[in-house]
Amino acid sequence: MNWLLKSISYIFHPLLMPLLGVCFYFSKSPRFIPAEIKQAKIVSLIILTVILPILLFFLLKTLGKVKSIYLKNTNERIYPLALNGIVILIVIQRILTPTQIIELYYFFVGILISTMTCLLLAIMKFKASIHMISVSGVFMFFVALSIHFSININGTLALMMIAIGAVATSRLHLKAHTYKELIMGVFVGIIPQLILVSYWL
């Protein structure tokens, strides 16, 4: 059971959630988007939102700014969150502009707002759950897509709700967060996506 709960934290890692949202969008969008465009966007996002943050983490660890991948205290979170915010800003300026794919543009604007909010909370010595922020944000994006495209994805939404519960259970079991930190994470993930829905729905 301990292995399973620990695995959940890796399967639904915050670095993978934006990519999940993009892949889901491409699989469900009724709009015609050439396969080569999809591949180019996905490869670019893998490099920028997965590989680059990992490299930046090792750089920060080498410089002594972080001690472990778990970012156990708020001080360790400041530099990774700030750098991740810059990465997301590059994505919405260069990879997913509003003139190309407006839904994904605002999805990443929401991610940027959530990241900056989490950074602000870290500066204020509050450790909101980044896992809950990411999985909740993606869930809200899926809900908005189902309404926007009038598609039935109830099965996917049910699985995402189970995932949210599983991630929360995992974080509590690993003693990574308190109930307050998990609940705050849910709000920080959902609210920006909910507010931005009015710009593209």
Protein backbone atom coordinates (compact mmCIF):
# COMPACT_ATOMS: atom_id res chain seq x y z
CA MET A 1 0.00 0.00 0.00
CA ASN A 2 2.85 2.37 0.84
CA TRP A 3 4.40 1.69 -2.59
CA LEU A 4 1.07 2.31 -4.33
CA LEU A 5 0.41 5.63 -2.58
CA LYS A 6 3.95 6.78 -3.27
CA SER A 7 3.57 5.82 -6.93
CA ILE A 8 0.44 7.97 -7.23
CA SER A 9 2.48 11.06 -6.35
CA TYR A 10 4.85 10.27 -9.24
CA ILE A 11 2.15 9.29 -11.75
CA PHE A 12 0.27 12.55 -11.15
CA HIS A 13 3.39 14.66 -10.77
CA PRO A 14 2.84 18.41 -11.33
CA LEU A 15 5.35 18.44 -14.20
CA LEU A 16 3.21 15.98 -16.16
CA MET A 17 -0.22 17.54 -15.62
CA PRO A 18 0.02 20.43 -18.16
CA LEU A 19 1.15 17.93 -20.81
CA LEU A 20 -1.80 15.70 -19.92
CA GLY A 21 -4.16 18.64 -20.43
CA VAL A 22 -2.67 19.42 -23.85
CA CYS A 23 -2.78 15.79 -25.05
CA PHE A 24 -6.38 15.47 -23.89
CA TYR A 25 -7.31 18.67 -25.72
CA PHE A 26 -5.77 17.44 -28.97
CA SER A 27 -7.57 14.09 -28.63
CA LYS A 28 -11.01 15.67 -28.02
CA SER A 29 -10.98 18.93 -29.97
CA PRO A 30 -13.30 18.83 -33.03
CA ARG A 31 -11.13 21.42 -34.75
CA PHE A 32 -8.80 20.30 -37.50
CA ILE A 33 -5.23 20.67 -36.33
CA PRO A 34 -2.55 19.12 -38.59
CA ALA A 35 -0.73 16.19 -37.00
CA GLU A 36 2.64 17.86 -37.47
CA ILE A 37 1.43 20.93 -35.55
CA LYS A 38 0.23 18.73 -32.69
CA GLN A 39 3.53 16.87 -32.60
CA ALA A 40 5.54 20.09 -32.67
CA LYS A 41 3.52 21.56 -29.79
CA ILE A 42 3.79 18.40 -27.68
CA VAL A 43 7.55 18.02 -28.25
CA SER A 44 8.07 21.72 -27.42
CA LEU A 45 6.04 21.34 -24.23
CA ILE A 46 7.93 18.19 -23.19
CA ILE A 47 11.20 20.11 -23.55
CA LEU A 48 9.99 23.27 -21.81
CA THR A 49 7.66 21.97 -19.10
CA VAL A 50 9.28 18.62 -18.23
CA ILE A 51 12.93 18.39 -19.27
CA LEU A 52 13.90 22.02 -18.63
CA PRO A 53 12.43 22.16 -15.08
CA ILE A 54 14.29 18.93 -14.22
CA LEU A 55 17.57 20.43 -15.45
CA LEU A 56 16.86 23.65 -13.55
CA PHE A 57 16.18 21.61 -10.40
CA PHE A 58 19.61 19.95 -10.62
CA LEU A 59 21.16 23.36 -11.18
CA LEU A 60 19.44 24.71 -8.06
CA LYS A 61 20.52 21.64 -6.11
CA THR A 62 24.11 22.15 -7.23
CA LEU A 63 23.92 25.77 -6.13
CA GLY A 64 22.51 24.70 -2.76
CA LYS A 65 19.15 26.43 -3.22
CA VAL A 66 17.16 23.20 -2.81
CA LYS A 67 17.97 20.03 -0.88
CA SER A 68 15.68 17.44 -2.44
CA ILE A 69 13.00 16.98 -5.09
CA TYR A 70 10.35 17.02 -2.36
CA LEU A 71 10.84 20.75 -1.58
CA LYS A 72 9.90 20.11 2.05
CA ASN A 73 9.97 23.71 3.24
CA THR A 74 8.67 26.97 1.82
CA ASN A 75 12.12 28.48 1.30
CA GLU A 76 13.09 25.66 -1.06
CA ARG A 77 9.99 26.30 -3.16
CA ILE A 78 10.68 29.94 -4.03
CA TYR A 79 13.33 29.50 -6.73
CA PRO A 80 11.71 26.48 -8.49
CA LEU A 81 8.30 28.19 -8.57
CA ALA A 82 9.77 31.46 -9.84
CA LEU A 83 11.68 29.67 -12.60
CA ASN A 84 8.65 27.58 -13.49
CA GLY A 85 6.64 30.79 -13.80
CA ILE A 86 9.19 32.08 -16.32
CA VAL A 87 8.97 28.81 -18.27
CA ILE A 88 5.16 29.01 -18.41
CA LEU A 89 5.43 32.63 -19.55
CA ILE A 90 7.67 31.50 -22.44
CA VAL A 91 5.11 28.83 -23.34
CA ILE A 92 2.20 31.29 -23.61
CA GLN A 93 4.30 33.78 -25.55
CA ARG A 94 5.97 31.40 -28.00
CA ILE A 95 4.25 28.02 -28.10
CA LEU A 96 0.53 28.47 -27.31
CA THR A 97 -0.40 32.01 -28.33
CA PRO A 98 -4.06 33.16 -28.23
CA THR A 99 -4.14 33.52 -32.02
CA GLN A 100 -3.32 29.82 -32.46
CA ILE A 101 -5.13 27.71 -29.83
CA ILE A 102 -7.05 29.99 -27.48
CA GLU A 103 -8.23 27.22 -25.14
CA LEU A 104 -4.70 26.02 -24.42
CA TYR A 105 -3.45 29.59 -24.16
CA TYR A 106 -5.86 30.36 -21.30
CA PHE A 107 -5.22 26.93 -19.77
CA PHE A 108 -1.57 27.92 -19.40
CA VAL A 109 -2.44 31.44 -18.27
CA GLY A 110 -4.38 29.73 -15.48
CA ILE A 111 -1.35 27.56 -14.70
CA LEU A 112 0.80 30.71 -14.54
CA ILE A 113 -1.64 32.38 -12.12
CA SER A 114 -1.72 29.24 -9.95
CA THR A 115 2.09 29.07 -9.97
CA MET A 116 2.47 32.72 -8.98
CA THR A 117 -0.16 32.30 -6.26
CA CYS A 118 1.70 29.27 -4.91
CA LEU A 119 4.93 31.31 -5.00
CA LEU A 120 3.28 34.13 -3.06
CA LEU A 121 2.01 31.64 -0.48
CA ALA A 122 5.51 30.15 -0.18
CA ILE A 123 6.94 33.62 0.46
CA MET A 124 4.27 33.98 3.16
CA LYS A 125 5.48 30.63 4.63
CA PHE A 126 2.42 28.61 3.56
CA LYS A 127 3.08 25.35 1.68
CA ALA A 128 0.09 24.77 -0.61
CA SER A 129 0.11 21.34 -2.29
CA ILE A 130 1.49 21.70 -5.82
CA HIS A 131 0.21 18.20 -6.62
CA MET A 132 -3.34 19.25 -5.74
CA ILE A 133 -2.99 22.54 -7.62
CA SER A 134 -1.99 20.77 -10.82
CA VAL A 135 -4.48 17.89 -10.78
CA SER A 136 -7.37 20.18 -9.75
CA GLY A 137 -6.51 22.70 -12.45
CA VAL A 138 -6.50 20.02 -15.12
CA PHE A 139 -9.82 18.68 -13.83
CA MET A 140 -11.42 22.14 -14.13
CA PHE A 141 -9.99 22.50 -17.66
CA PHE A 142 -11.53 19.16 -18.63
CA VAL A 143 -14.92 20.28 -17.27
CA ALA A 144 -14.69 23.50 -19.31
CA LEU A 145 -13.74 21.57 -22.45
CA SER A 146 -16.72 19.25 -22.08
CA ILE A 147 -19.03 22.27 -22.00
CA HIS A 148 -17.17 24.17 -24.71
CA PHE A 149 -17.18 21.33 -27.23
CA SER A 150 -20.46 19.78 -26.00
CA ILE A 151 -18.81 16.39 -25.55
CA ASN A 152 -19.59 13.68 -23.04
CA ILE A 153 -16.46 12.93 -21.03
CA ASN A 154 -18.19 11.89 -17.82
CA GLY A 155 -15.97 8.82 -17.55
CA THR A 156 -12.83 10.95 -17.77
CA LEU A 157 -14.17 13.42 -15.22
CA ALA A 158 -15.02 10.58 -12.85
CA LEU A 159 -11.49 9.21 -13.21
CA MET A 160 -10.06 12.67 -12.56
CA MET A 161 -12.12 13.00 -9.39
CA ILE A 162 -10.78 9.63 -8.26
CA ALA A 163 -7.28 10.86 -9.12
CA ILE A 164 -7.78 13.98 -7.00
CA GLY A 165 -8.83 11.84 -4.07
CA ALA A 166 -5.94 9.43 -4.63
CA VAL A 167 -3.39 12.26 -4.81
CA ALA A 168 -4.77 13.83 -1.61
CA THR A 169 -4.61 10.45 0.16
CA SER A 170 -1.07 9.91 -1.09
CA ARG A 171 0.15 13.31 0.11
CA LEU A 172 -1.43 12.80 3.53
CA HIS A 173 -0.04 9.28 3.84
CA LEU A 174 3.46 10.51 2.99
CA LYS A 175 3.03 13.33 5.53
CA ALA A 176 3.92 15.81 2.79
CA HIS A 177 0.97 18.10 3.54
CA THR A 178 -1.77 18.89 6.03
CA TYR A 179 -5.49 19.01 5.23
CA LYS A 180 -5.33 22.83 5.01
CA GLU A 181 -2.48 22.71 2.50
CA LEU A 182 -4.36 20.19 0.34
CA ILE A 183 -7.59 22.20 0.40
CA MET A 184 -5.71 25.39 -0.44
CA GLY A 185 -4.08 23.55 -3.33
CA VAL A 186 -7.48 22.59 -4.75
CA PHE A 187 -8.68 26.20 -4.65
CA VAL A 188 -5.46 27.59 -6.11
CA GLY A 189 -5.72 25.08 -8.98
CA ILE A 190 -9.42 25.42 -9.76
CA ILE A 191 -10.20 29.12 -9.28
CA PRO A 192 -7.85 30.57 -11.97
CA GLN A 193 -9.13 28.08 -14.55
CA LEU A 194 -12.73 28.84 -13.54
CA ILE A 195 -12.22 32.61 -13.82
CA LEU A 196 -10.50 32.37 -17.22
CA VAL A 197 -13.24 30.17 -18.69
CA SER A 198 -15.26 33.33 -19.47
CA TYR A 199 -12.54 34.42 -21.94
CA TRP A 200 -12.82 31.39 -24.21
CA LEU A 201 -15.93 29.34 -23.36
